[in-house]
């Protein structure tokens, strides 16, 4: 069997993410899937920035379990866009497009 590469290669998760997902290593694709499963199961999506959870929309509401994971995120994309969630508070939201930055900030 060929060794997994790229997005399919398992990566080591930082402590907060490992606790939420119940694993210490997962491929990036599986991390994203499990995070989305958690968001949907707990109805943490909203249609407006910093809106109330309504189980639909492009914004993800930080609950007590997601907040420590989101707060680990401070990164700069190749295009120069900075994602800094270090000062985030419970109940605030991120845009779903920031999920890749969150995953990247929570793996070793």
PDB file of N, CA and C in Angstrom:
ATOM      1  N   UNK A   1       0.841  -1.189   0.000  1.00  0.00           N
ATOM      2  CA  UNK A   1       0.000   0.000   0.000  1.00  0.00           C
ATOM      3  C   UNK A   1       0.887   1.253   0.000  1.00  0.00           C
ATOM      4  N   UNK A   2       0.559   2.200  -0.828  1.00  0.00           N
ATOM      5  CA  UNK A   2       1.348   3.426  -0.946  1.00  0.00           C
ATOM      6  C   UNK A   2       1.163   4.307   0.280  1.00  0.00           C
ATOM      7  N   UNK A   3       2.222   5.031   0.614  1.00  0.00           N
ATOM      8  CA  UNK A   3       2.163   5.955   1.749  1.00  0.00           C
ATOM      9  C   UNK A   3       1.272   7.138   1.406  1.00  0.00           C
ATOM     10  N   UNK A   4       0.435   7.556   2.363  1.00  0.00           N
ATOM     11  CA  UNK A   4      -0.459   8.700   2.155  1.00  0.00           C
ATOM     12  C   UNK A   4       0.378   9.964   1.991  1.00  0.00           C
ATOM     13  N   UNK A   5      -0.059  10.835   1.066  1.00  0.00           N
ATOM     14  CA  UNK A   5       0.666  12.076   0.800  1.00  0.00           C
ATOM     15  C   UNK A   5      -0.292  13.252   0.801  1.00  0.00           C
ATOM     16  N   UNK A   6       0.281  14.448   0.860  1.00  0.00           N
ATOM     17  CA  UNK A   6      -0.514  15.671   0.764  1.00  0.00           C
ATOM     18  C   UNK A   6      -1.577  15.769   1.842  1.00  0.00           C
ATOM     19  N   UNK A   7      -2.802  16.081   1.417  1.00  0.00           N
ATOM     20  CA  UNK A   7      -3.910  16.264   2.348  1.00  0.00           C
ATOM     21  C   UNK A   7      -4.340  14.960   3.018  1.00  0.00           C
ATOM     22  N   UNK A   8      -3.956  13.832   2.441  1.00  0.00           N
ATOM     23  CA  UNK A   8      -4.346  12.529   2.989  1.00  0.00           C
ATOM     24  C   UNK A   8      -3.344  12.000   4.016  1.00  0.00           C
ATOM     25  N   UNK A   9      -2.181  12.664   4.130  1.00  0.00           N
ATOM     26  CA  UNK A   9      -1.163  12.228   5.077  1.00  0.00           C
ATOM     27  C   UNK A   9      -1.565  12.639   6.501  1.00  0.00           C
ATOM     28  N   UNK A  10      -1.577  11.705   7.444  1.00  0.00           N
ATOM     29  CA  UNK A  10      -1.920  12.078   8.829  1.00  0.00           C
ATOM     30  C   UNK A  10      -0.926  13.092   9.404  1.00  0.00           C
ATOM     31  N   UNK A  11      -1.459  14.051  10.146  1.00  0.00           N
ATOM     32  CA  UNK A  11      -0.645  15.070  10.816  1.00  0.00           C
ATOM     33  C   UNK A  11      -0.962  15.028  12.305  1.00  0.00           C
ATOM     34  N   UNK A  12      -0.028  15.498  13.117  1.00  0.00           N
ATOM     35  CA  UNK A  12      -0.201  15.511  14.575  1.00  0.00           C
ATOM     36  C   UNK A  12      -1.036  16.729  14.961  1.00  0.00           C
ATOM     37  N   UNK A  13      -2.054  16.493  15.789  1.00  0.00           N
ATOM     38  CA  UNK A  13      -2.945  17.569  16.230  1.00  0.00           C
ATOM     39  C   UNK A  13      -2.451  18.187  17.528  1.00  0.00           C
ATOM     40  N   UNK A  14      -2.608  19.502  17.648  1.00  0.00           N
ATOM     41  CA  UNK A  14      -2.316  20.167  18.911  1.00  0.00           C
ATOM     42  C   UNK A  14      -3.365  19.738  19.933  1.00  0.00           C
ATOM     43  N   UNK A  15      -3.052  19.907  21.199  1.00  0.00           N
ATOM     44  CA  UNK A  15      -3.835  19.367  22.304  1.00  0.00           C
ATOM     45  C   UNK A  15      -5.331  19.694  22.255  1.00  0.00           C
ATOM     46  N   UNK A  16      -5.716  20.959  22.088  1.00  0.00           N
ATOM     47  CA  UNK A  16      -7.131  21.346  22.118  1.00  0.00           C
ATOM     48  C   UNK A  16      -7.917  20.654  21.010  1.00  0.00           C
ATOM     49  N   UNK A  17      -7.351  20.621  19.808  1.00  0.00           N
ATOM     50  CA  UNK A  17      -8.022  19.981  18.681  1.00  0.00           C
ATOM     51  C   UNK A  17      -8.088  18.469  18.880  1.00  0.00           C
ATOM     52  N   UNK A  18      -7.017  17.879  19.391  1.00  0.00           N
ATOM     53  CA  UNK A  18      -6.991  16.438  19.651  1.00  0.00           C
ATOM     54  C   UNK A  18      -8.088  16.054  20.644  1.00  0.00           C
ATOM     55  N   UNK A  19      -8.279  16.874  21.675  1.00  0.00           N
ATOM     56  CA  UNK A  19      -9.321  16.589  22.670  1.00  0.00           C
ATOM     57  C   UNK A  19     -10.710  16.660  22.042  1.00  0.00           C
ATOM     58  N   UNK A  20     -10.955  17.666  21.216  1.00  0.00           N
ATOM     59  CA  UNK A  20     -12.268  17.817  20.597  1.00  0.00           C
ATOM     60  C   UNK A  20     -12.565  16.659  19.639  1.00  0.00           C
ATOM     61  N   UNK A  21     -11.568  16.271  18.840  1.00  0.00           N
ATOM     62  CA  UNK A  21     -11.792  15.258  17.813  1.00  0.00           C
ATOM     63  C   UNK A  21     -11.541  13.838  18.296  1.00  0.00           C
ATOM     64  N   UNK A  22     -10.929  13.686  19.462  1.00  0.00           N
ATOM     65  CA  UNK A  22     -10.694  12.352  20.004  1.00  0.00           C
ATOM     66  C   UNK A  22      -9.623  11.564  19.275  1.00  0.00           C
ATOM     67  N   UNK A  23      -8.641  12.250  18.709  1.00  0.00           N
ATOM     68  CA  UNK A  23      -7.538  11.596  18.005  1.00  0.00           C
ATOM     69  C   UNK A  23      -6.303  12.483  18.084  1.00  0.00           C
ATOM     70  N   UNK A  24      -5.131  11.874  18.034  1.00  0.00           N
ATOM     71  CA  UNK A  24      -3.892  12.659  18.076  1.00  0.00           C
ATOM     72  C   UNK A  24      -3.308  12.893  16.685  1.00  0.00           C
ATOM     73  N   UNK A  25      -3.699  12.054  15.715  1.00  0.00           N
ATOM     74  CA  UNK A  25      -3.253  12.215  14.327  1.00  0.00           C
ATOM     75  C   UNK A  25      -4.398  11.925  13.379  1.00  0.00           C
ATOM     76  N   UNK A  26      -4.565  12.789  12.387  1.00  0.00           N
ATOM     77  CA  UNK A  26      -5.579  12.616  11.347  1.00  0.00           C
ATOM     78  C   UNK A  26      -5.112  13.318  10.080  1.00  0.00           C
ATOM     79  N   UNK A  27      -5.581  12.886   8.907  1.00  0.00           N
ATOM     80  CA  UNK A  27      -5.318  13.661   7.682  1.00  0.00           C
ATOM     81  C   UNK A  27      -6.094  14.982   7.740  1.00  0.00           C
ATOM     82  N   UNK A  28      -5.589  16.015   7.068  1.00  0.00           N
ATOM     83  CA  UNK A  28      -6.271  17.324   7.067  1.00  0.00           C
ATOM     84  C   UNK A  28      -7.721  17.215   6.598  1.00  0.00           C
ATOM     85  N   UNK A  29      -7.963  16.357   5.611  1.00  0.00           N
ATOM     86  CA  UNK A  29      -9.325  16.202   5.101  1.00  0.00           C
ATOM     87  C   UNK A  29     -10.264  15.704   6.194  1.00  0.00           C
ATOM     88  N   UNK A  30      -9.792  14.780   7.006  1.00  0.00           N
ATOM     89  CA  UNK A  30     -10.609  14.212   8.078  1.00  0.00           C
ATOM     90  C   UNK A  30     -10.797  15.224   9.211  1.00  0.00           C
ATOM     91  N   UNK A  31      -9.775  16.038   9.482  1.00  0.00           N
ATOM     92  CA  UNK A  31      -9.894  17.090  10.506  1.00  0.00           C
ATOM     93  C   UNK A  31     -11.019  18.039  10.124  1.00  0.00           C
ATOM     94  N   UNK A  32     -10.992  18.509   8.881  1.00  0.00           N
ATOM     95  CA  UNK A  32     -12.009  19.447   8.407  1.00  0.00           C
ATOM     96  C   UNK A  32     -13.392  18.815   8.462  1.00  0.00           C
ATOM     97  N   UNK A  33     -13.499  17.574   8.028  1.00  0.00           N
ATOM     98  CA  UNK A  33     -14.790  16.867   8.046  1.00  0.00           C
ATOM     99  C   UNK A  33     -15.327  16.758   9.474  1.00  0.00           C
ATOM    100  N   UNK A  34     -14.465  16.360  10.411  1.00  0.00           N
ATOM    101  CA  UNK A  34     -14.901  16.197  11.801  1.00  0.00           C
ATOM    102  C   UNK A  34     -15.287  17.545  12.432  1.00  0.00           C
ATOM    103  N   UNK A  35     -14.566  18.615  12.095  1.00  0.00           N
ATOM    104  CA  UNK A  35     -14.932  19.938  12.599  1.00  0.00           C
ATOM    105  C   UNK A  35     -16.310  20.341  12.073  1.00  0.00           C
ATOM    106  N   UNK A  36     -16.558  20.109  10.782  1.00  0.00           N
ATOM    107  CA  UNK A  36     -17.862  20.432  10.204  1.00  0.00           C
ATOM    108  C   UNK A  36     -18.959  19.579  10.826  1.00  0.00           C
ATOM    109  N   UNK A  37     -18.673  18.307  11.071  1.00  0.00           N
ATOM    110  CA  UNK A  37     -19.654  17.439  11.732  1.00  0.00           C
ATOM    111  C   UNK A  37     -20.030  18.012  13.098  1.00  0.00           C
ATOM    112  N   UNK A  38     -19.026  18.486  13.844  1.00  0.00           N
ATOM    113  CA  UNK A  38     -19.262  19.078  15.167  1.00  0.00           C
ATOM    114  C   UNK A  38     -20.115  20.350  15.034  1.00  0.00           C
ATOM    115  N   UNK A  39     -19.743  21.217  14.097  1.00  0.00           N
ATOM    116  CA  UNK A  39     -20.471  22.476  13.893  1.00  0.00           C
ATOM    117  C   UNK A  39     -21.938  22.191  13.567  1.00  0.00           C
ATOM    118  N   UNK A  40     -22.164  21.261  12.652  1.00  0.00           N
ATOM    119  CA  UNK A  40     -23.542  20.953  12.242  1.00  0.00           C
ATOM    120  C   UNK A  40     -24.332  20.269  13.355  1.00  0.00           C
ATOM    121  N   UNK A  41     -23.700  19.327  14.056  1.00  0.00           N
ATOM    122  CA  UNK A  41     -24.387  18.607  15.134  1.00  0.00           C
ATOM    123  C   UNK A  41     -24.810  19.544  16.264  1.00  0.00           C
ATOM    124  N   UNK A  42     -24.026  20.609  16.467  1.00  0.00           N
ATOM    125  CA  UNK A  42     -24.304  21.547  17.553  1.00  0.00           C
ATOM    126  C   UNK A  42     -24.973  22.833  17.068  1.00  0.00           C
ATOM    127  N   UNK A  43     -25.397  22.828  15.796  1.00  0.00           N
ATOM    128  CA  UNK A  43     -26.111  23.960  15.189  1.00  0.00           C
ATOM    129  C   UNK A  43     -25.370  25.282  15.402  1.00  0.00           C
ATOM    130  N   UNK A  44     -24.098  25.293  14.999  1.00  0.00           N
ATOM    131  CA  UNK A  44     -23.237  26.462  15.229  1.00  0.00           C
ATOM    132  C   UNK A  44     -22.990  27.285  13.965  1.00  0.00           C
ATOM    133  N   UNK A  45     -23.927  27.263  13.030  1.00  0.00           N
ATOM    134  CA  UNK A  45     -23.805  28.098  11.840  1.00  0.00           C
ATOM    135  C   UNK A  45     -24.813  29.238  11.920  1.00  0.00           C
ATOM    136  N   UNK A  46     -24.469  30.356  11.302  1.00  0.00           N
ATOM    137  CA  UNK A  46     -25.371  31.502  11.254  1.00  0.00           C
ATOM    138  C   UNK A  46     -25.165  32.231   9.927  1.00  0.00           C
ATOM    139  N   UNK A  47     -26.185  32.951   9.504  1.00  0.00           N
ATOM    140  CA  UNK A  47     -26.120  33.656   8.219  1.00  0.00           C
ATOM    141  C   UNK A  47     -25.496  35.037   8.337  1.00  0.00           C
ATOM    142  N   UNK A  48     -25.349  35.544   9.562  1.00  0.00           N
ATOM    143  CA  UNK A  48     -24.787  36.883   9.728  1.00  0.00           C
ATOM    144  C   UNK A  48     -23.590  36.849  10.676  1.00  0.00           C
ATOM    145  N   UNK A  49     -22.652  37.750  10.424  1.00  0.00           N
ATOM    146  CA  UNK A  49     -21.462  37.829  11.267  1.00  0.00           C
ATOM    147  C   UNK A  49     -21.881  38.123  12.704  1.00  0.00           C
ATOM    148  N   UNK A  50     -21.357  37.316  13.640  1.00  0.00           N
ATOM    149  CA  UNK A  50     -21.667  37.420  15.065  1.00  0.00           C
ATOM    150  C   UNK A  50     -23.161  37.297  15.368  1.00  0.00           C
ATOM    151  N   UNK A  51     -23.893  36.587  14.473  1.00  0.00           N
ATOM    152  CA  UNK A  51     -25.319  36.346  14.687  1.00  0.00           C
ATOM    153  C   UNK A  51     -25.538  35.161  15.616  1.00  0.00           C
ATOM    154  N   UNK A  52     -26.775  34.947  15.964  1.00  0.00           N
ATOM    155  CA  UNK A  52     -27.145  33.819  16.817  1.00  0.00           C
ATOM    156  C   UNK A  52     -27.111  32.530  15.989  1.00  0.00           C
ATOM    157  N   UNK A  53     -26.711  31.405  16.599  1.00  0.00           N
ATOM    158  CA  UNK A  53     -26.703  30.135  15.869  1.00  0.00           C
ATOM    159  C   UNK A  53     -28.086  29.812  15.307  1.00  0.00           C
ATOM    160  N   UNK A  54     -28.137  29.446  14.015  1.00  0.00           N
ATOM    161  CA  UNK A  54     -29.410  29.108  13.382  1.00  0.00           C
ATOM    162  C   UNK A  54     -29.283  27.888  12.488  1.00  0.00           C
ATOM    163  N   UNK A  55     -28.164  27.183  12.553  1.00  0.00           N
ATOM    164  CA  UNK A  55     -27.918  25.947  11.816  1.00  0.00           C
ATOM    165  C   UNK A  55     -27.909  26.110  10.307  1.00  0.00           C
ATOM    166  N   UNK A  56     -27.573  27.273   9.814  1.00  0.00           N
ATOM    167  CA  UNK A  56     -27.409  27.493   8.386  1.00  0.00           C
ATOM    168  C   UNK A  56     -26.608  28.767   8.194  1.00  0.00           C
ATOM    169  N   UNK A  57     -25.858  28.839   7.119  1.00  0.00           N
ATOM    170  CA  UNK A  57     -25.121  30.054   6.819  1.00  0.00           C
ATOM    171  C   UNK A  57     -23.634  29.831   6.736  1.00  0.00           C
ATOM    172  N   UNK A  58     -22.921  30.886   6.350  1.00  0.00           N
ATOM    173  CA  UNK A  58     -21.485  30.756   6.102  1.00  0.00           C
ATOM    174  C   UNK A  58     -20.607  31.154   7.288  1.00  0.00           C
ATOM    175  N   UNK A  59     -21.215  31.503   8.407  1.00  0.00           N
ATOM    176  CA  UNK A  59     -20.442  31.862   9.587  1.00  0.00           C
ATOM    177  C   UNK A  59     -20.548  30.766  10.636  1.00  0.00           C
ATOM    178  N   UNK A  60     -19.445  30.511  11.352  1.00  0.00           N
ATOM    179  CA  UNK A  60     -19.391  29.488  12.394  1.00  0.00           C
ATOM    180  C   UNK A  60     -19.266  30.188  13.741  1.00  0.00           C
ATOM    181  N   UNK A  61     -20.162  29.856  14.644  1.00  0.00           N
ATOM    182  CA  UNK A  61     -20.205  30.473  15.967  1.00  0.00           C
ATOM    183  C   UNK A  61     -19.274  29.703  16.908  1.00  0.00           C
ATOM    184  N   UNK A  62     -18.413  30.424  17.604  1.00  0.00           N
ATOM    185  CA  UNK A  62     -17.486  29.802  18.560  1.00  0.00           C
ATOM    186  C   UNK A  62     -18.219  29.472  19.850  1.00  0.00           C
ATOM    187  N   UNK A  63     -18.267  28.180  20.178  1.00  0.00           N
ATOM    188  CA  UNK A  63     -18.793  27.784  21.481  1.00  0.00           C
ATOM    189  C   UNK A  63     -17.600  27.515  22.398  1.00  0.00           C
ATOM    190  N   UNK A  64     -17.856  27.045  23.606  1.00  0.00           N
ATOM    191  CA  UNK A  64     -16.782  26.850  24.588  1.00  0.00           C
ATOM    192  C   UNK A  64     -15.738  25.841  24.119  1.00  0.00           C
ATOM    193  N   UNK A  65     -16.127  24.852  23.303  1.00  0.00           N
ATOM    194  CA  UNK A  65     -15.170  23.847  22.829  1.00  0.00           C
ATOM    195  C   UNK A  65     -14.378  24.319  21.620  1.00  0.00           C
ATOM    196  N   UNK A  66     -14.992  25.100  20.742  1.00  0.00           N
ATOM    197  CA  UNK A  66     -14.291  25.590  19.552  1.00  0.00           C
ATOM    198  C   UNK A  66     -13.394  26.790  19.858  1.00  0.00           C
ATOM    199  N   UNK A  67     -13.764  27.580  20.857  1.00  0.00           N
ATOM    200  CA  UNK A  67     -13.032  28.809  21.147  1.00  0.00           C
ATOM    201  C   UNK A  67     -11.528  28.597  21.335  1.00  0.00           C
ATOM    202  N   UNK A  68     -11.075  27.634  22.157  1.00  0.00           N
ATOM    203  CA  UNK A  68      -9.622  27.468  22.312  1.00  0.00           C
ATOM    204  C   UNK A  68      -8.922  27.095  20.994  1.00  0.00           C
ATOM    205  N   UNK A  69      -9.619  26.382  20.129  1.00  0.00           N
ATOM    206  CA  UNK A  69      -9.054  26.005  18.830  1.00  0.00           C
ATOM    207  C   UNK A  69      -8.957  27.237  17.938  1.00  0.00           C
ATOM    208  N   UNK A  70     -10.027  28.022  17.885  1.00  0.00           N
ATOM    209  CA  UNK A  70     -10.013  29.247  17.090  1.00  0.00           C
ATOM    210  C   UNK A  70      -8.944  30.218  17.589  1.00  0.00           C
ATOM    211  N   UNK A  71      -8.785  30.329  18.916  1.00  0.00           N
ATOM    212  CA  UNK A  71      -7.837  31.288  19.486  1.00  0.00           C
ATOM    213  C   UNK A  71      -6.375  30.921  19.209  1.00  0.00           C
ATOM    214  N   UNK A  72      -6.102  29.693  18.779  1.00  0.00           N
ATOM    215  CA  UNK A  72      -4.744  29.299  18.384  1.00  0.00           C
ATOM    216  C   UNK A  72      -4.367  29.859  17.024  1.00  0.00           C
ATOM    217  N   UNK A  73      -5.319  30.459  16.321  1.00  0.00           N
ATOM    218  CA  UNK A  73      -5.139  30.827  14.921  1.00  0.00           C
ATOM    219  C   UNK A  73      -4.612  32.245  14.742  1.00  0.00           C
ATOM    220  N   UNK A  74      -3.411  32.323  14.203  1.00  0.00           N
ATOM    221  CA  UNK A  74      -2.821  33.585  13.762  1.00  0.00           C
ATOM    222  C   UNK A  74      -1.905  33.217  12.606  1.00  0.00           C
ATOM    223  N   UNK A  75      -2.362  33.490  11.389  1.00  0.00           N
ATOM    224  CA  UNK A  75      -1.593  33.084  10.222  1.00  0.00           C
ATOM    225  C   UNK A  75      -1.734  34.100   9.098  1.00  0.00           C
ATOM    226  N   UNK A  76      -0.858  33.960   8.122  1.00  0.00           N
ATOM    227  CA  UNK A  76      -0.856  34.837   6.960  1.00  0.00           C
ATOM    228  C   UNK A  76      -0.910  33.956   5.726  1.00  0.00           C
ATOM    229  N   UNK A  77      -1.872  34.206   4.845  1.00  0.00           N
ATOM    230  CA  UNK A  77      -2.009  33.406   3.631  1.00  0.00           C
ATOM    231  C   UNK A  77      -0.968  33.831   2.599  1.00  0.00           C
ATOM    232  N   UNK A  78      -0.864  33.052   1.535  1.00  0.00           N
ATOM    233  CA  UNK A  78       0.087  33.370   0.461  1.00  0.00           C
ATOM    234  C   UNK A  78      -0.239  34.708  -0.188  1.00  0.00           C
ATOM    235  N   UNK A  79      -1.519  35.089  -0.159  1.00  0.00           N
ATOM    236  CA  UNK A  79      -1.916  36.367  -0.750  1.00  0.00           C
ATOM    237  C   UNK A  79      -1.686  37.539   0.204  1.00  0.00           C
ATOM    238  N   UNK A  80      -1.258  37.231   1.455  1.00  0.00           N
ATOM    239  CA  UNK A  80      -0.960  38.278   2.420  1.00  0.00           C
ATOM    240  C   UNK A  80      -2.075  38.564   3.406  1.00  0.00           C
ATOM    241  N   UNK A  81      -3.220  37.875   3.281  1.00  0.00           N
ATOM    242  CA  UNK A  81      -4.340  38.094   4.202  1.00  0.00           C
ATOM    243  C   UNK A  81      -4.009  37.479   5.557  1.00  0.00           C
ATOM    244  N   UNK A  82      -4.170  38.277   6.611  1.00  0.00           N
ATOM    245  CA  UNK A  82      -3.883  37.825   7.971  1.00  0.00           C
ATOM    246  C   UNK A  82      -5.172  37.343   8.639  1.00  0.00           C
ATOM    247  N   UNK A  83      -5.101  36.161   9.240  1.00  0.00           N
ATOM    248  CA  UNK A  83      -6.205  35.634  10.036  1.00  0.00           C
ATOM    249  C   UNK A  83      -5.726  35.577  11.474  1.00  0.00           C
ATOM    250  N   UNK A  84      -6.237  36.483  12.310  1.00  0.00           N
ATOM    251  CA  UNK A  84      -5.840  36.544  13.712  1.00  0.00           C
ATOM    252  C   UNK A  84      -7.083  36.409  14.587  1.00  0.00           C
ATOM    253  N   UNK A  85      -7.248  35.234  15.175  1.00  0.00           N
ATOM    254  CA  UNK A  85      -8.413  34.962  16.016  1.00  0.00           C
ATOM    255  C   UNK A  85      -8.038  34.887  17.496  1.00  0.00           C
ATOM    256  N   UNK A  86      -6.836  35.346  17.843  1.00  0.00           N
ATOM    257  CA  UNK A  86      -6.318  35.189  19.204  1.00  0.00           C
ATOM    258  C   UNK A  86      -7.121  35.944  20.257  1.00  0.00           C
ATOM    259  N   UNK A  87      -7.859  36.979  19.862  1.00  0.00           N
ATOM    260  CA  UNK A  87      -8.652  37.768  20.815  1.00  0.00           C
ATOM    261  C   UNK A  87     -10.144  37.427  20.763  1.00  0.00           C
ATOM    262  N   UNK A  88     -10.481  36.360  20.081  1.00  0.00           N
ATOM    263  CA  UNK A  88     -11.879  35.975  19.889  1.00  0.00           C
ATOM    264  C   UNK A  88     -12.560  35.634  21.213  1.00  0.00           C
ATOM    265  N   UNK A  89     -13.862  35.874  21.260  1.00  0.00           N
ATOM    266  CA  UNK A  89     -14.654  35.563  22.448  1.00  0.00           C
ATOM    267  C   UNK A  89     -15.772  34.598  22.067  1.00  0.00           C
ATOM    268  N   UNK A  90     -16.242  33.842  23.066  1.00  0.00           N
ATOM    269  CA  UNK A  90     -17.331  32.901  22.836  1.00  0.00           C
ATOM    270  C   UNK A  90     -18.545  33.645  22.274  1.00  0.00           C
ATOM    271  N   UNK A  91     -19.179  33.048  21.276  1.00  0.00           N
ATOM    272  CA  UNK A  91     -20.341  33.667  20.638  1.00  0.00           C
ATOM    273  C   UNK A  91     -19.999  34.442  19.384  1.00  0.00           C
ATOM    274  N   UNK A  92     -18.722  34.793  19.202  1.00  0.00           N
ATOM    275  CA  UNK A  92     -18.309  35.466  17.978  1.00  0.00           C
ATOM    276  C   UNK A  92     -18.183  34.422  16.861  1.00  0.00           C
ATOM    277  N   UNK A  93     -18.071  34.897  15.624  1.00  0.00           N
ATOM    278  CA  UNK A  93     -18.064  33.989  14.485  1.00  0.00           C
ATOM    279  C   UNK A  93     -16.801  34.113  13.643  1.00  0.00           C
ATOM    280  N   UNK A  94     -16.555  33.042  12.871  1.00  0.00           N
ATOM    281  CA  UNK A  94     -15.556  33.104  11.813  1.00  0.00           C
ATOM    282  C   UNK A  94     -16.276  32.804  10.510  1.00  0.00           C
ATOM    283  N   UNK A  95     -15.725  33.273   9.409  1.00  0.00           N
ATOM    284  CA  UNK A  95     -16.238  32.947   8.095  1.00  0.00           C
ATOM    285  C   UNK A  95     -15.788  31.525   7.771  1.00  0.00           C
ATOM    286  N   UNK A  96     -16.648  30.738   7.142  1.00  0.00           N
ATOM    287  CA  UNK A  96     -16.292  29.349   6.837  1.00  0.00           C
ATOM    288  C   UNK A  96     -15.002  29.243   6.016  1.00  0.00           C
ATOM    289  N   UNK A  97     -14.662  30.294   5.283  1.00  0.00           N
ATOM    290  CA  UNK A  97     -13.450  30.271   4.473  1.00  0.00           C
ATOM    291  C   UNK A  97     -12.188  30.334   5.346  1.00  0.00           C
ATOM    292  N   UNK A  98     -12.328  30.653   6.617  1.00  0.00           N
ATOM    293  CA  UNK A  98     -11.192  30.691   7.534  1.00  0.00           C
ATOM    294  C   UNK A  98     -10.888  29.327   8.143  1.00  0.00           C
ATOM    295  N   UNK A  99     -11.700  28.317   7.830  1.00  0.00           N
ATOM    296  CA  UNK A  99     -11.521  26.988   8.423  1.00  0.00           C
ATOM    297  C   UNK A  99     -10.141  26.403   8.086  1.00  0.00           C
ATOM    298  N   UNK A 100      -9.648  26.630   6.881  1.00  0.00           N
ATOM    299  CA  UNK A 100      -8.326  26.107   6.508  1.00  0.00           C
ATOM    300  C   UNK A 100      -7.239  26.715   7.388  1.00  0.00           C
ATOM    301  N   UNK A 101      -7.340  28.000   7.699  1.00  0.00           N
ATOM    302  CA  UNK A 101      -6.368  28.651   8.578  1.00  0.00           C
ATOM    303  C   UNK A 101      -6.451  28.077   9.984  1.00  0.00           C
ATOM    304  N   UNK A 102      -7.660  27.784  10.457  1.00  0.00           N
ATOM    305  CA  UNK A 102      -7.860  27.194  11.779  1.00  0.00           C
ATOM    306  C   UNK A 102      -7.214  25.824  11.840  1.00  0.00           C
ATOM    307  N   UNK A 103      -7.462  25.001  10.830  1.00  0.00           N
ATOM    308  CA  UNK A 103      -6.858  23.653  10.798  1.00  0.00           C
ATOM    309  C   UNK A 103      -5.340  23.776  10.764  1.00  0.00           C
ATOM    310  N   UNK A 104      -4.809  24.633   9.900  1.00  0.00           N
ATOM    311  CA  UNK A 104      -3.361  24.800   9.783  1.00  0.00           C
ATOM    312  C   UNK A 104      -2.706  25.251  11.075  1.00  0.00           C
ATOM    313  N   UNK A 105      -3.404  26.077  11.845  1.00  0.00           N
ATOM    314  CA  UNK A 105      -2.856  26.601  13.102  1.00  0.00           C
ATOM    315  C   UNK A 105      -2.910  25.587  14.236  1.00  0.00           C
ATOM    316  N   UNK A 106      -3.665  24.504  14.053  1.00  0.00           N
ATOM    317  CA  UNK A 106      -3.858  23.539  15.126  1.00  0.00           C
ATOM    318  C   UNK A 106      -3.237  22.179  14.850  1.00  0.00           C
ATOM    319  N   UNK A 107      -2.281  22.145  13.927  1.00  0.00           N
ATOM    320  CA  UNK A 107      -1.514  20.924  13.680  1.00  0.00           C
ATOM    321  C   UNK A 107      -0.036  21.229  13.832  1.00  0.00           C
ATOM    322  N   UNK A 108       0.728  20.170  14.081  1.00  0.00           N
ATOM    323  CA  UNK A 108       2.171  20.357  14.265  1.00  0.00           C
ATOM    324  C   UNK A 108       2.922  19.860  13.058  1.00  0.00           C
TER     325      UNK A 108
END
